[in-house]
Amino acid sequence: MLKKKVTAKTGILFISTTLNNTFVNLTDLEGNTLCCLSSGSLGFKGSKKSSSYAAQTTTEKVLEFCQSQSIEKLIIKFRGVGYAKDASLKSVLQRNFQILQIEETTQRAFNGCRQKKKRRV
């Protein structure tokens, strides 16, 4: 009788922080969304949405979903500016997840479009 090899599930955790909100998105390796939360959807209003506590709470809710789905390995991808990245990373490190990769995917300006001509007075 052949036994199936049990493999640990792997998920990708996208943490997108803006100056006004924090979005945490959990996908599988194909990119299908499993869980998506924002600090605004958890009831934080106004300037509290962009706080590090709101980001930590949002990340912990998604990590609880990970444990219920028996996801053990995570790839973490950060995007954006703000204080929330540090707090959400600390909440991931406190849990017993095996972290395969931490990646910063914030886009950088590289000269961009041509600027408007200088105004002559």
PDB file of N, CA and C in Angstrom:
ATOM      1  N   MET A   1       0.839  -1.178   0.000  1.00  0.00           N
ATOM      2  CA  MET A   1       0.000   0.000   0.000  1.00  0.00           C
ATOM      3  C   MET A   1       0.888   1.247   0.000  1.00  0.00           C
ATOM      4  N   LEU A   2       0.658   2.170  -0.927  1.00  0.00           N
ATOM      5  CA  LEU A   2       1.434   3.388  -1.040  1.00  0.00           C
ATOM      6  C   LEU A   2       0.832   4.473  -0.167  1.00  0.00           C
ATOM      7  N   LYS A   3       1.696   5.173   0.543  1.00  0.00           N
ATOM      8  CA  LYS A   3       1.238   6.290   1.355  1.00  0.00           C
ATOM      9  C   LYS A   3       1.479   7.581   0.602  1.00  0.00           C
ATOM     10  N   LYS A   4       0.529   8.500   0.714  1.00  0.00           N
ATOM     11  CA  LYS A   4       0.718   9.797   0.092  1.00  0.00           C
ATOM     12  C   LYS A   4       1.703  10.612   0.902  1.00  0.00           C
ATOM     13  N   LYS A   5       2.534  11.332   0.191  1.00  0.00           N
ATOM     14  CA  LYS A   5       3.504  12.183   0.856  1.00  0.00           C
ATOM     15  C   LYS A   5       2.800  13.481   1.264  1.00  0.00           C
ATOM     16  N   VAL A   6       2.828  13.802   2.534  1.00  0.00           N
ATOM     17  CA  VAL A   6       2.168  14.997   3.031  1.00  0.00           C
ATOM     18  C   VAL A   6       3.116  16.177   2.861  1.00  0.00           C
ATOM     19  N   THR A   7       2.675  17.164   2.096  1.00  0.00           N
ATOM     20  CA  THR A   7       3.497  18.348   1.878  1.00  0.00           C
ATOM     21  C   THR A   7       2.844  19.527   2.571  1.00  0.00           C
ATOM     22  N   ALA A   8       3.661  20.386   3.094  1.00  0.00           N
ATOM     23  CA  ALA A   8       3.148  21.573   3.771  1.00  0.00           C
ATOM     24  C   ALA A   8       2.690  22.579   2.732  1.00  0.00           C
ATOM     25  N   LYS A   9       1.551  23.198   2.986  1.00  0.00           N
ATOM     26  CA  LYS A   9       1.027  24.199   2.068  1.00  0.00           C
ATOM     27  C   LYS A   9       1.860  25.480   2.161  1.00  0.00           C
ATOM     28  N   THR A  10       1.986  26.136   1.030  1.00  0.00           N
ATOM     29  CA  THR A  10       2.742  27.376   0.960  1.00  0.00           C
ATOM     30  C   THR A  10       1.821  28.489   0.493  1.00  0.00           C
ATOM     31  N   GLY A  11       1.925  29.645   1.130  1.00  0.00           N
ATOM     32  CA  GLY A  11       1.124  30.792   0.750  1.00  0.00           C
ATOM     33  C   GLY A  11       2.001  32.014   0.552  1.00  0.00           C
ATOM     34  N   ILE A  12       1.483  32.973  -0.219  1.00  0.00           N
ATOM     35  CA  ILE A  12       2.185  34.233  -0.436  1.00  0.00           C
ATOM     36  C   ILE A  12       1.398  35.315   0.286  1.00  0.00           C
ATOM     37  N   LEU A  13       2.071  36.046   1.155  1.00  0.00           N
ATOM     38  CA  LEU A  13       1.441  37.092   1.953  1.00  0.00           C
ATOM     39  C   LEU A  13       1.871  38.448   1.399  1.00  0.00           C
ATOM     40  N   PHE A  14       0.925  39.159   0.785  1.00  0.00           N
ATOM     41  CA  PHE A  14       1.185  40.493   0.247  1.00  0.00           C
ATOM     42  C   PHE A  14       0.742  41.512   1.280  1.00  0.00           C
ATOM     43  N   ILE A  15       1.650  42.358   1.733  1.00  0.00           N
ATOM     44  CA  ILE A  15       1.330  43.406   2.696  1.00  0.00           C
ATOM     45  C   ILE A  15       1.557  44.738   2.002  1.00  0.00           C
ATOM     46  N   SER A  16       0.472  45.448   1.724  1.00  0.00           N
ATOM     47  CA  SER A  16       0.543  46.709   1.008  1.00  0.00           C
ATOM     48  C   SER A  16       0.169  47.830   1.969  1.00  0.00           C
ATOM     49  N   THR A  17       1.106  48.729   2.204  1.00  0.00           N
ATOM     50  CA  THR A  17       0.862  49.821   3.143  1.00  0.00           C
ATOM     51  C   THR A  17       0.856  51.141   2.402  1.00  0.00           C
ATOM     52  N   THR A  18      -0.128  51.968   2.715  1.00  0.00           N
ATOM     53  CA  THR A  18      -0.186  53.311   2.180  1.00  0.00           C
ATOM     54  C   THR A  18      -0.145  54.274   3.359  1.00  0.00           C
ATOM     55  N   LEU A  19      -0.223  55.547   3.063  1.00  0.00           N
ATOM     56  CA  LEU A  19      -0.242  56.526   4.152  1.00  0.00           C
ATOM     57  C   LEU A  19      -1.579  56.539   4.877  1.00  0.00           C
ATOM     58  N   ASN A  20      -2.618  55.938   4.285  1.00  0.00           N
ATOM     59  CA  ASN A  20      -3.946  55.973   4.879  1.00  0.00           C
ATOM     60  C   ASN A  20      -4.497  54.619   5.290  1.00  0.00           C
ATOM     61  N   ASN A  21      -3.949  53.513   4.807  1.00  0.00           N
ATOM     62  CA  ASN A  21      -4.548  52.214   5.061  1.00  0.00           C
ATOM     63  C   ASN A  21      -3.497  51.124   4.901  1.00  0.00           C
ATOM     64  N   THR A  22      -3.850  49.908   5.335  1.00  0.00           N
ATOM     65  CA  THR A  22      -2.982  48.744   5.187  1.00  0.00           C
ATOM     66  C   THR A  22      -3.812  47.596   4.640  1.00  0.00           C
ATOM     67  N   PHE A  23      -3.339  46.965   3.577  1.00  0.00           N
ATOM     68  CA  PHE A  23      -4.021  45.834   2.972  1.00  0.00           C
ATOM     69  C   PHE A  23      -3.151  44.598   3.121  1.00  0.00           C
ATOM     70  N   VAL A  24      -3.753  43.490   3.552  1.00  0.00           N
ATOM     71  CA  VAL A  24      -3.035  42.225   3.680  1.00  0.00           C
ATOM     72  C   VAL A  24      -3.782  41.200   2.837  1.00  0.00           C
ATOM     73  N   ASN A  25      -3.084  40.593   1.894  1.00  0.00           N
ATOM     74  CA  ASN A  25      -3.694  39.669   0.948  1.00  0.00           C
ATOM     75  C   ASN A  25      -2.933  38.352   0.988  1.00  0.00           C
ATOM     76  N   LEU A  26      -3.641  37.244   1.152  1.00  0.00           N
ATOM     77  CA  LEU A  26      -3.035  35.917   1.183  1.00  0.00           C
ATOM     78  C   LEU A  26      -3.449  35.167  -0.067  1.00  0.00           C
ATOM     79  N   THR A  27      -2.461  34.673  -0.821  1.00  0.00           N
ATOM     80  CA  THR A  27      -2.750  33.907  -2.029  1.00  0.00           C
ATOM     81  C   THR A  27      -2.013  32.576  -1.967  1.00  0.00           C
ATOM     82  N   ASP A  28      -2.426  31.671  -2.851  1.00  0.00           N
ATOM     83  CA  ASP A  28      -1.649  30.451  -3.012  1.00  0.00           C
ATOM     84  C   ASP A  28      -0.568  30.715  -4.056  1.00  0.00           C
ATOM     85  N   LEU A  29       0.179  29.698  -4.420  1.00  0.00           N
ATOM     86  CA  LEU A  29       1.311  29.905  -5.327  1.00  0.00           C
ATOM     87  C   LEU A  29       0.881  30.247  -6.749  1.00  0.00           C
ATOM     88  N   GLU A  30      -0.362  29.921  -7.112  1.00  0.00           N
ATOM     89  CA  GLU A  30      -0.862  30.265  -8.443  1.00  0.00           C
ATOM     90  C   GLU A  30      -1.379  31.698  -8.499  1.00  0.00           C
ATOM     91  N   GLY A  31      -1.574  32.343  -7.349  1.00  0.00           N
ATOM     92  CA  GLY A  31      -2.070  33.709  -7.316  1.00  0.00           C
ATOM     93  C   GLY A  31      -3.539  33.826  -6.994  1.00  0.00           C
ATOM     94  N   ASN A  32      -4.197  32.730  -6.645  1.00  0.00           N
ATOM     95  CA  ASN A  32      -5.609  32.786  -6.274  1.00  0.00           C
ATOM     96  C   ASN A  32      -5.743  33.310  -4.857  1.00  0.00           C
ATOM     97  N   THR A  33      -6.584  34.313  -4.668  1.00  0.00           N
ATOM     98  CA  THR A  33      -6.735  34.941  -3.358  1.00  0.00           C
ATOM     99  C   THR A  33      -7.478  34.005  -2.409  1.00  0.00           C
ATOM    100  N   LEU A  34      -6.879  33.776  -1.249  1.00  0.00           N
ATOM    101  CA  LEU A  34      -7.511  32.963  -0.212  1.00  0.00           C
ATOM    102  C   LEU A  34      -8.166  33.832   0.846  1.00  0.00           C
ATOM    103  N   CYS A  35      -7.509  34.934   1.210  1.00  0.00           N
ATOM    104  CA  CYS A  35      -8.030  35.827   2.241  1.00  0.00           C
ATOM    105  C   CYS A  35      -7.492  37.228   1.971  1.00  0.00           C
ATOM    106  N   CYS A  36      -8.364  38.226   2.100  1.00  0.00           N
ATOM    107  CA  CYS A  36      -7.955  39.601   1.863  1.00  0.00           C
ATOM    108  C   CYS A  36      -8.624  40.491   2.902  1.00  0.00           C
ATOM    109  N   LEU A  37      -7.831  41.239   3.646  1.00  0.00           N
ATOM    110  CA  LEU A  37      -8.360  42.128   4.678  1.00  0.00           C
ATOM    111  C   LEU A  37      -7.650  43.473   4.610  1.00  0.00           C
ATOM    112  N   SER A  38      -8.340  44.493   5.067  1.00  0.00           N
ATOM    113  CA  SER A  38      -7.711  45.800   5.238  1.00  0.00           C
ATOM    114  C   SER A  38      -8.016  46.278   6.646  1.00  0.00           C
ATOM    115  N   SER A  39      -7.239  47.236   7.109  1.00  0.00           N
ATOM    116  CA  SER A  39      -7.476  47.735   8.459  1.00  0.00           C
ATOM    117  C   SER A  39      -8.786  48.498   8.533  1.00  0.00           C
ATOM    118  N   GLY A  40      -9.242  49.055   7.418  1.00  0.00           N
ATOM    119  CA  GLY A  40     -10.542  49.717   7.408  1.00  0.00           C
ATOM    120  C   GLY A  40     -11.693  48.736   7.531  1.00  0.00           C
ATOM    121  N   SER A  41     -11.534  47.525   6.986  1.00  0.00           N
ATOM    122  CA  SER A  41     -12.605  46.536   7.075  1.00  0.00           C
ATOM    123  C   SER A  41     -12.723  45.931   8.468  1.00  0.00           C
ATOM    124  N   LEU A  42     -11.700  46.109   9.298  1.00  0.00           N
ATOM    125  CA  LEU A  42     -11.756  45.610  10.676  1.00  0.00           C
ATOM    126  C   LEU A  42     -12.370  46.620  11.634  1.00  0.00           C
ATOM    127  N   GLY A  43     -12.738  47.799  11.136  1.00  0.00           N
ATOM    128  CA  GLY A  43     -13.418  48.766  11.974  1.00  0.00           C
ATOM    129  C   GLY A  43     -12.595  49.955  12.381  1.00  0.00           C
ATOM    130  N   PHE A  44     -11.350  50.041  11.908  1.00  0.00           N
ATOM    131  CA  PHE A  44     -10.538  51.213  12.219  1.00  0.00           C
ATOM    132  C   PHE A  44     -10.984  52.364  11.326  1.00  0.00           C
ATOM    133  N   LYS A  45     -11.115  53.538  11.917  1.00  0.00           N
ATOM    134  CA  LYS A  45     -11.609  54.703  11.177  1.00  0.00           C
ATOM    135  C   LYS A  45     -10.561  55.808  11.182  1.00  0.00           C
ATOM    136  N   GLY A  46     -10.557  56.603  10.135  1.00  0.00           N
ATOM    137  CA  GLY A  46      -9.734  57.797  10.083  1.00  0.00           C
ATOM    138  C   GLY A  46      -8.247  57.513  10.113  1.00  0.00           C
ATOM    139  N   SER A  47      -7.545  58.285  10.919  1.00  0.00           N
ATOM    140  CA  SER A  47      -6.083  58.166  10.964  1.00  0.00           C
ATOM    141  C   SER A  47      -5.638  56.903  11.692  1.00  0.00           C
ATOM    142  N   LYS A  48      -6.542  56.221  12.391  1.00  0.00           N
ATOM    143  CA  LYS A  48      -6.169  54.976  13.080  1.00  0.00           C
ATOM    144  C   LYS A  48      -5.941  53.844  12.093  1.00  0.00           C
ATOM    145  N   LYS A  49      -6.475  53.969  10.869  1.00  0.00           N
ATOM    146  CA  LYS A  49      -6.277  52.925   9.864  1.00  0.00           C
ATOM    147  C   LYS A  49      -4.809  52.776   9.477  1.00  0.00           C
ATOM    148  N   SER A  50      -4.077  53.878   9.513  1.00  0.00           N
ATOM    149  CA  SER A  50      -2.687  53.822   9.076  1.00  0.00           C
ATOM    150  C   SER A  50      -1.718  53.537  10.218  1.00  0.00           C
ATOM    151  N   SER A  51      -2.227  53.271  11.407  1.00  0.00           N
ATOM    152  CA  SER A  51      -1.345  53.046  12.556  1.00  0.00           C
ATOM    153  C   SER A  51      -0.719  51.657  12.483  1.00  0.00           C
ATOM    154  N   SER A  52       0.355  51.487  13.224  1.00  0.00           N
ATOM    155  CA  SER A  52       1.029  50.194  13.237  1.00  0.00           C
ATOM    156  C   SER A  52       0.206  49.146  13.980  1.00  0.00           C
ATOM    157  N   TYR A  53      -0.598  49.574  14.955  1.00  0.00           N
ATOM    158  CA  TYR A  53      -1.460  48.625  15.668  1.00  0.00           C
ATOM    159  C   TYR A  53      -2.523  48.053  14.734  1.00  0.00           C
ATOM    160  N   ALA A  54      -3.088  48.893  13.872  1.00  0.00           N
ATOM    161  CA  ALA A  54      -4.097  48.420  12.926  1.00  0.00           C
ATOM    162  C   ALA A  54      -3.485  47.422  11.950  1.00  0.00           C
ATOM    163  N   ALA A  55      -2.260  47.671  11.502  1.00  0.00           N
ATOM    164  CA  ALA A  55      -1.586  46.747  10.594  1.00  0.00           C
ATOM    165  C   ALA A  55      -1.290  45.419  11.281  1.00  0.00           C
ATOM    166  N   GLN A  56      -0.897  45.484  12.539  1.00  0.00           N
ATOM    167  CA  GLN A  56      -0.601  44.264  13.294  1.00  0.00           C
ATOM    168  C   GLN A  56      -1.862  43.438  13.488  1.00  0.00           C
ATOM    169  N   THR A  57      -2.976  44.094  13.815  1.00  0.00           N
ATOM    170  CA  THR A  57      -4.245  43.387  14.012  1.00  0.00           C
ATOM    171  C   THR A  57      -4.719  42.751  12.708  1.00  0.00           C
ATOM    172  N   THR A  58      -4.585  43.476  11.602  1.00  0.00           N
ATOM    173  CA  THR A  58      -5.003  42.956  10.304  1.00  0.00           C
ATOM    174  C   THR A  58      -4.171  41.734   9.916  1.00  0.00           C
ATOM    175  N   THR A  59      -2.875  41.814  10.135  1.00  0.00           N
ATOM    176  CA  THR A  59      -1.998  40.694   9.799  1.00  0.00           C
ATOM    177  C   THR A  59      -2.300  39.480  10.665  1.00  0.00           C
ATOM    178  N   GLU A  60      -2.585  39.704  11.947  1.00  0.00           N
ATOM    179  CA  GLU A  60      -2.893  38.584  12.838  1.00  0.00           C
ATOM    180  C   GLU A  60      -4.174  37.869  12.432  1.00  0.00           C
ATOM    181  N   LYS A  61      -5.166  38.616  11.945  1.00  0.00           N
ATOM    182  CA  LYS A  61      -6.410  37.994  11.470  1.00  0.00           C
ATOM    183  C   LYS A  61      -6.141  37.098  10.267  1.00  0.00           C
ATOM    184  N   VAL A  62      -5.287  37.554   9.352  1.00  0.00           N
ATOM    185  CA  VAL A  62      -4.962  36.745   8.176  1.00  0.00           C
ATOM    186  C   VAL A  62      -4.148  35.518   8.586  1.00  0.00           C
ATOM    187  N   LEU A  63      -3.267  35.679   9.567  1.00  0.00           N
ATOM    188  CA  LEU A  63      -2.463  34.540  10.020  1.00  0.00           C
ATOM    189  C   LEU A  63      -3.310  33.492  10.735  1.00  0.00           C
ATOM    190  N   GLU A  64      -4.375  33.919  11.414  1.00  0.00           N
ATOM    191  CA  GLU A  64      -5.305  32.951  11.999  1.00  0.00           C
ATOM    192  C   GLU A  64      -5.978  32.129  10.901  1.00  0.00           C
ATOM    193  N   PHE A  65      -6.300  32.795   9.789  1.00  0.00           N
ATOM    194  CA  PHE A  65      -6.877  32.075   8.649  1.00  0.00           C
ATOM    195  C   PHE A  65      -5.862  31.083   8.083  1.00  0.00           C
ATOM    196  N   CYS A  66      -4.584  31.481   8.054  1.00  0.00           N
ATOM    197  CA  CYS A  66      -3.521  30.583   7.572  1.00  0.00           C
ATOM    198  C   CYS A  66      -3.460  29.316   8.407  1.00  0.00           C
ATOM    199  N   GLN A  67      -3.538  29.480   9.708  1.00  0.00           N
ATOM    200  CA  GLN A  67      -3.461  28.313  10.581  1.00  0.00           C
ATOM    201  C   GLN A  67      -4.677  27.422  10.425  1.00  0.00           C
ATOM    202  N   SER A  68      -5.838  28.009  10.176  1.00  0.00           N
ATOM    203  CA  SER A  68      -7.033  27.190   9.985  1.00  0.00           C
ATOM    204  C   SER A  68      -6.977  26.423   8.666  1.00  0.00           C
ATOM    205  N   GLN A  69      -6.256  26.959   7.668  1.00  0.00           N
ATOM    206  CA  GLN A  69      -6.104  26.293   6.373  1.00  0.00           C
ATOM    207  C   GLN A  69      -4.857  25.413   6.320  1.00  0.00           C
ATOM    208  N   SER A  70      -4.160  25.278   7.436  1.00  0.00           N
ATOM    209  CA  SER A  70      -2.937  24.475   7.597  1.00  0.00           C
ATOM    210  C   SER A  70      -1.829  24.908   6.640  1.00  0.00           C
ATOM    211  N   ILE A  71      -1.679  26.221   6.484  1.00  0.00           N
ATOM    212  CA  ILE A  71      -0.569  26.770   5.707  1.00  0.00           C
ATOM    213  C   ILE A  71       0.598  26.961   6.664  1.00  0.00           C
ATOM    214  N   GLU A  72       1.743  26.366   6.337  1.00  0.00           N
ATOM    215  CA  GLU A  72       2.895  26.401   7.237  1.00  0.00           C
ATOM    216  C   GLU A  72       4.057  27.225   6.706  1.00  0.00           C
ATOM    217  N   LYS A  73       4.128  27.386   5.394  1.00  0.00           N
ATOM    218  CA  LYS A  73       5.246  28.120   4.793  1.00  0.00           C
ATOM    219  C   LYS A  73       4.704  29.386   4.143  1.00  0.00           C
ATOM    220  N   LEU A  74       5.454  30.496   4.317  1.00  0.00           N
ATOM    221  CA  LEU A  74       5.006  31.777   3.784  1.00  0.00           C
ATOM    222  C   LEU A  74       6.116  32.453   2.987  1.00  0.00           C
ATOM    223  N   ILE A  75       5.702  33.112   1.921  1.00  0.00           N
ATOM    224  CA  ILE A  75       6.543  34.045   1.196  1.00  0.00           C
ATOM    225  C   ILE A  75       5.928  35.414   1.438  1.00  0.00           C
ATOM    226  N   ILE A  76       6.711  36.363   1.941  1.00  0.00           N
ATOM    227  CA  ILE A  76       6.175  37.667   2.327  1.00  0.00           C
ATOM    228  C   ILE A  76       6.656  38.710   1.329  1.00  0.00           C
ATOM    229  N   LYS A  77       5.717  39.519   0.819  1.00  0.00           N
ATOM    230  CA  LYS A  77       6.059  40.586  -0.121  1.00  0.00           C
ATOM    231  C   LYS A  77       5.461  41.890   0.394  1.00  0.00           C
ATOM    232  N   PHE A  78       6.318  42.885   0.577  1.00  0.00           N
ATOM    233  CA  PHE A  78       5.895  44.195   1.059  1.00  0.00           C
ATOM    234  C   PHE A  78       5.809  45.174  -0.096  1.00  0.00           C
ATOM    235  N   ARG A  79       4.883  46.124   0.026  1.00  0.00           N
ATOM    236  CA  ARG A  79       4.780  47.186  -0.966  1.00  0.00           C
ATOM    237  C   ARG A  79       4.277  48.445  -0.276  1.00  0.00           C
ATOM    238  N   GLY A  80       4.881  49.575  -0.613  1.00  0.00           N
ATOM    239  CA  GLY A  80       4.382  50.853  -0.139  1.00  0.00           C
ATOM    240  C   GLY A  80       5.231  51.463   0.957  1.00  0.00           C
ATOM    241  N   VAL A  81       4.729  52.592   1.447  1.00  0.00           N
ATOM    242  CA  VAL A  81       5.411  53.345   2.486  1.00  0.00           C
ATOM    243  C   VAL A  81       4.586  53.278   3.761  1.00  0.00           C
ATOM    244  N   GLY A  82       5.192  53.663   4.870  1.00  0.00           N
ATOM    245  CA  GLY A  82       4.451  53.707   6.129  1.00  0.00           C
ATOM    246  C   GLY A  82       5.131  52.888   7.211  1.00  0.00           C
ATOM    247  N   TYR A  83       4.630  53.076   8.414  1.00  0.00           N
ATOM    248  CA  TYR A  83       5.192  52.400   9.584  1.00  0.00           C
ATOM    249  C   TYR A  83       4.673  50.980   9.727  1.00  0.00           C
ATOM    250  N   ALA A  84       3.684  50.630   8.968  1.00  0.00           N
ATOM    251  CA  ALA A  84       2.973  49.377   9.192  1.00  0.00           C
ATOM    252  C   ALA A  84       3.783  48.147   8.807  1.00  0.00           C
ATOM    253  N   LYS A  85       4.785  48.302   7.974  1.00  0.00           N
ATOM    254  CA  LYS A  85       5.560  47.141   7.527  1.00  0.00           C
ATOM    255  C   LYS A  85       6.277  46.466   8.684  1.00  0.00           C
ATOM    256  N   ASP A  86       6.867  47.261   9.569  1.00  0.00           N
ATOM    257  CA  ASP A  86       7.605  46.695  10.697  1.00  0.00           C
ATOM    258  C   ASP A  86       6.677  45.943  11.648  1.00  0.00           C
ATOM    259  N   ALA A  87       5.527  46.546  11.936  1.00  0.00           N
ATOM    260  CA  ALA A  87       4.600  45.920  12.878  1.00  0.00           C
ATOM    261  C   ALA A  87       4.017  44.631  12.329  1.00  0.00           C
ATOM    262  N   SER A  88       3.707  44.609  11.038  1.00  0.00           N
ATOM    263  CA  SER A  88       3.148  43.391  10.462  1.00  0.00           C
ATOM    264  C   SER A  88       4.205  42.294  10.358  1.00  0.00           C
ATOM    265  N   LEU A  89       5.457  42.667  10.105  1.00  0.00           N
ATOM    266  CA  LEU A  89       6.518  41.664  10.060  1.00  0.00           C
ATOM    267  C   LEU A  89       6.754  41.065  11.445  1.00  0.00           C
ATOM    268  N   LYS A  90       6.691  41.882  12.485  1.00  0.00           N
ATOM    269  CA  LYS A  90       6.857  41.371  13.846  1.00  0.00           C
ATOM    270  C   LYS A  90       5.757  40.384  14.203  1.00  0.00           C
ATOM    271  N   SER A  91       4.519  40.657  13.771  1.00  0.00           N
ATOM    272  CA  SER A  91       3.433  39.740  14.091  1.00  0.00           C
ATOM    273  C   SER A  91       3.573  38.421  13.332  1.00  0.00           C
ATOM    274  N   VAL A  92       4.177  38.436  12.143  1.00  0.00           N
ATOM    275  CA  VAL A  92       4.418  37.185  11.418  1.00  0.00           C
ATOM    276  C   VAL A  92       5.528  36.395  12.097  1.00  0.00           C
ATOM    277  N   LEU A  93       6.574  37.099  12.547  1.00  0.00           N
ATOM    278  CA  LEU A  93       7.703  36.407  13.166  1.00  0.00           C
ATOM    279  C   LEU A  93       7.351  35.794  14.515  1.00  0.00           C
ATOM    280  N   GLN A  94       6.341  36.313  15.194  1.00  0.00           N
ATOM    281  CA  GLN A  94       5.939  35.763  16.489  1.00  0.00           C
ATOM    282  C   GLN A  94       5.232  34.418  16.354  1.00  0.00           C
ATOM    283  N   ARG A  95       4.633  34.194  15.192  1.00  0.00           N
ATOM    284  CA  ARG A  95       3.941  32.929  14.954  1.00  0.00           C
ATOM    285  C   ARG A  95       4.931  31.877  14.480  1.00  0.00           C
ATOM    286  N   ASN A  96       4.482  30.624  14.465  1.00  0.00           N
ATOM    287  CA  ASN A  96       5.361  29.521  14.063  1.00  0.00           C
ATOM    288  C   ASN A  96       5.178  29.194  12.591  1.00  0.00           C
ATOM    289  N   PHE A  97       5.536  30.132  11.733  1.00  0.00           N
ATOM    290  CA  PHE A  97       5.501  29.912  10.296  1.00  0.00           C
ATOM    291  C   PHE A  97       6.935  29.825   9.785  1.00  0.00           C
ATOM    292  N   GLN A  98       7.123  28.979   8.792  1.00  0.00           N
ATOM    293  CA  GLN A  98       8.427  28.907   8.151  1.00  0.00           C
ATOM    294  C   GLN A  98       8.433  29.932   7.024  1.00  0.00           C
ATOM    295  N   ILE A  99       9.314  30.921   7.121  1.00  0.00           N
ATOM    296  CA  ILE A  99       9.365  31.992   6.142  1.00  0.00           C
ATOM    297  C   ILE A  99      10.406  31.639   5.086  1.00  0.00           C
ATOM    298  N   LEU A 100       9.947  31.503   3.856  1.00  0.00           N
ATOM    299  CA  LEU A 100      10.844  31.122   2.770  1.00  0.00           C
ATOM    300  C   LEU A 100      11.551  32.326   2.165  1.00  0.00           C
ATOM    301  N   GLN A 101      10.854  33.475   2.101  1.00  0.00           N
ATOM    302  CA  GLN A 101      11.423  34.623   1.421  1.00  0.00           C
ATOM    303  C   GLN A 101      10.720  35.883   1.911  1.00  0.00           C
ATOM    304  N   ILE A 102      11.492  36.952   2.078  1.00  0.00           N
ATOM    305  CA  ILE A 102      10.939  38.276   2.373  1.00  0.00           C
ATOM    306  C   ILE A 102      11.397  39.199   1.254  1.00  0.00           C
ATOM    307  N   GLU A 103      10.433  39.847   0.608  1.00  0.00           N
ATOM    308  CA  GLU A 103      10.752  40.624  -0.586  1.00  0.00           C
ATOM    309  C   GLU A 103      10.109  42.006  -0.489  1.00  0.00           C
ATOM    310  N   GLU A 104      10.841  43.008  -0.918  1.00  0.00           N
ATOM    311  CA  GLU A 104      10.329  44.382  -0.976  1.00  0.00           C
ATOM    312  C   GLU A 104      10.019  44.690  -2.433  1.00  0.00           C
ATOM    313  N   THR A 105       8.736  44.946  -2.756  1.00  0.00           N
ATOM    314  CA  THR A 105       8.330  45.164  -4.146  1.00  0.00           C
ATOM    315  C   THR A 105       7.846  46.595  -4.386  1.00  0.00           C
ATOM    316  N   THR A 106       8.284  47.537  -3.549  1.00  0.00           N
ATOM    317  CA  THR A 106       7.894  48.932  -3.739  1.00  0.00           C
ATOM    318  C   THR A 106       8.523  49.461  -5.019  1.00  0.00           C
ATOM    319  N   GLN A 107       7.718  50.129  -5.828  1.00  0.00           N
ATOM    320  CA  GLN A 107       8.206  50.641  -7.100  1.00  0.00           C
ATOM    321  C   GLN A 107       9.012  51.909  -6.875  1.00  0.00           C
ATOM    322  N   ARG A 108      10.069  52.052  -7.629  1.00  0.00           N
ATOM    323  CA  ARG A 108      10.955  53.203  -7.520  1.00  0.00           C
ATOM    324  C   ARG A 108      10.871  54.035  -8.798  1.00  0.00           C
ATOM    325  N   ALA A 109      10.941  55.345  -8.641  1.00  0.00           N
ATOM    326  CA  ALA A 109      10.964  56.217  -9.799  1.00  0.00           C
ATOM    327  C   ALA A 109      12.330  56.125 -10.459  1.00  0.00           C
ATOM    328  N   PHE A 110      12.382  56.152 -11.775  1.00  0.00           N
ATOM    329  CA  PHE A 110      13.648  56.015 -12.494  1.00  0.00           C
ATOM    330  C   PHE A 110      13.822  57.125 -13.515  1.00  0.00           C
ATOM    331  N   ASN A 111      13.314  58.269 -13.286  1.00  0.00           N
ATOM    332  CA  ASN A 111      13.333  59.483 -14.082  1.00  0.00           C
ATOM    333  C   ASN A 111      11.950  59.786 -14.619  1.00  0.00           C
ATOM    334  N   GLY A 112      11.194  58.800 -15.012  1.00  0.00           N
ATOM    335  CA  GLY A 112       9.806  58.980 -15.359  1.00  0.00           C
ATOM    336  C   GLY A 112       9.554  59.779 -16.621  1.00  0.00           C
ATOM    337  N   CYS A 113       8.409  60.446 -16.652  1.00  0.00           N
ATOM    338  CA  CYS A 113       7.966  61.197 -17.820  1.00  0.00           C
ATOM    339  C   CYS A 113       8.720  62.523 -17.933  1.00  0.00           C
ATOM    340  N   ARG A 114       8.591  63.106 -19.079  1.00  0.00           N
ATOM    341  CA  ARG A 114       9.211  64.404 -19.310  1.00  0.00           C
ATOM    342  C   ARG A 114       8.456  65.458 -18.517  1.00  0.00           C
ATOM    343  N   GLN A 115       9.199  66.336 -17.849  1.00  0.00           N
ATOM    344  CA  GLN A 115       8.570  67.354 -17.020  1.00  0.00           C
ATOM    345  C   GLN A 115       8.003  68.470 -17.865  1.00  0.00           C
ATOM    346  N   LYS A 116       7.083  69.223 -17.251  1.00  0.00           N
ATOM    347  CA  LYS A 116       6.507  70.372 -17.932  1.00  0.00           C
ATOM    348  C   LYS A 116       7.592  71.428 -18.132  1.00  0.00           C
ATOM    349  N   LYS A 117       7.421  72.211 -19.207  1.00  0.00           N
ATOM    350  CA  LYS A 117       8.439  73.239 -19.459  1.00  0.00           C
ATOM    351  C   LYS A 117       8.381  74.313 -18.398  1.00  0.00           C
ATOM    352  N   LYS A 118       9.499  74.915 -18.127  1.00  0.00           N
ATOM    353  CA  LYS A 118       9.646  75.930 -17.087  1.00  0.00           C
ATOM    354  C   LYS A 118       8.856  77.171 -17.472  1.00  0.00           C
ATOM    355  N   ARG A 119       8.174  77.743 -16.514  1.00  0.00           N
ATOM    356  CA  ARG A 119       7.393  78.948 -16.775  1.00  0.00           C
ATOM    357  C   ARG A 119       8.316  80.146 -16.858  1.00  0.00           C
ATOM    358  N   ARG A 120       8.155  80.962 -17.906  1.00  0.00           N
ATOM    359  CA  ARG A 120       8.970  82.164 -18.076  1.00  0.00           C
ATOM    360  C   ARG A 120       8.177  83.383 -17.666  1.00  0.00           C
ATOM    361  N   VAL A 121       8.754  84.179 -16.807  1.00  0.00           N
ATOM    362  CA  VAL A 121       8.049  85.370 -16.334  1.00  0.00           C
ATOM    363  C   VAL A 121       8.710  86.631 -16.836  1.00  0.00           C
TER     364      VAL A 121
END
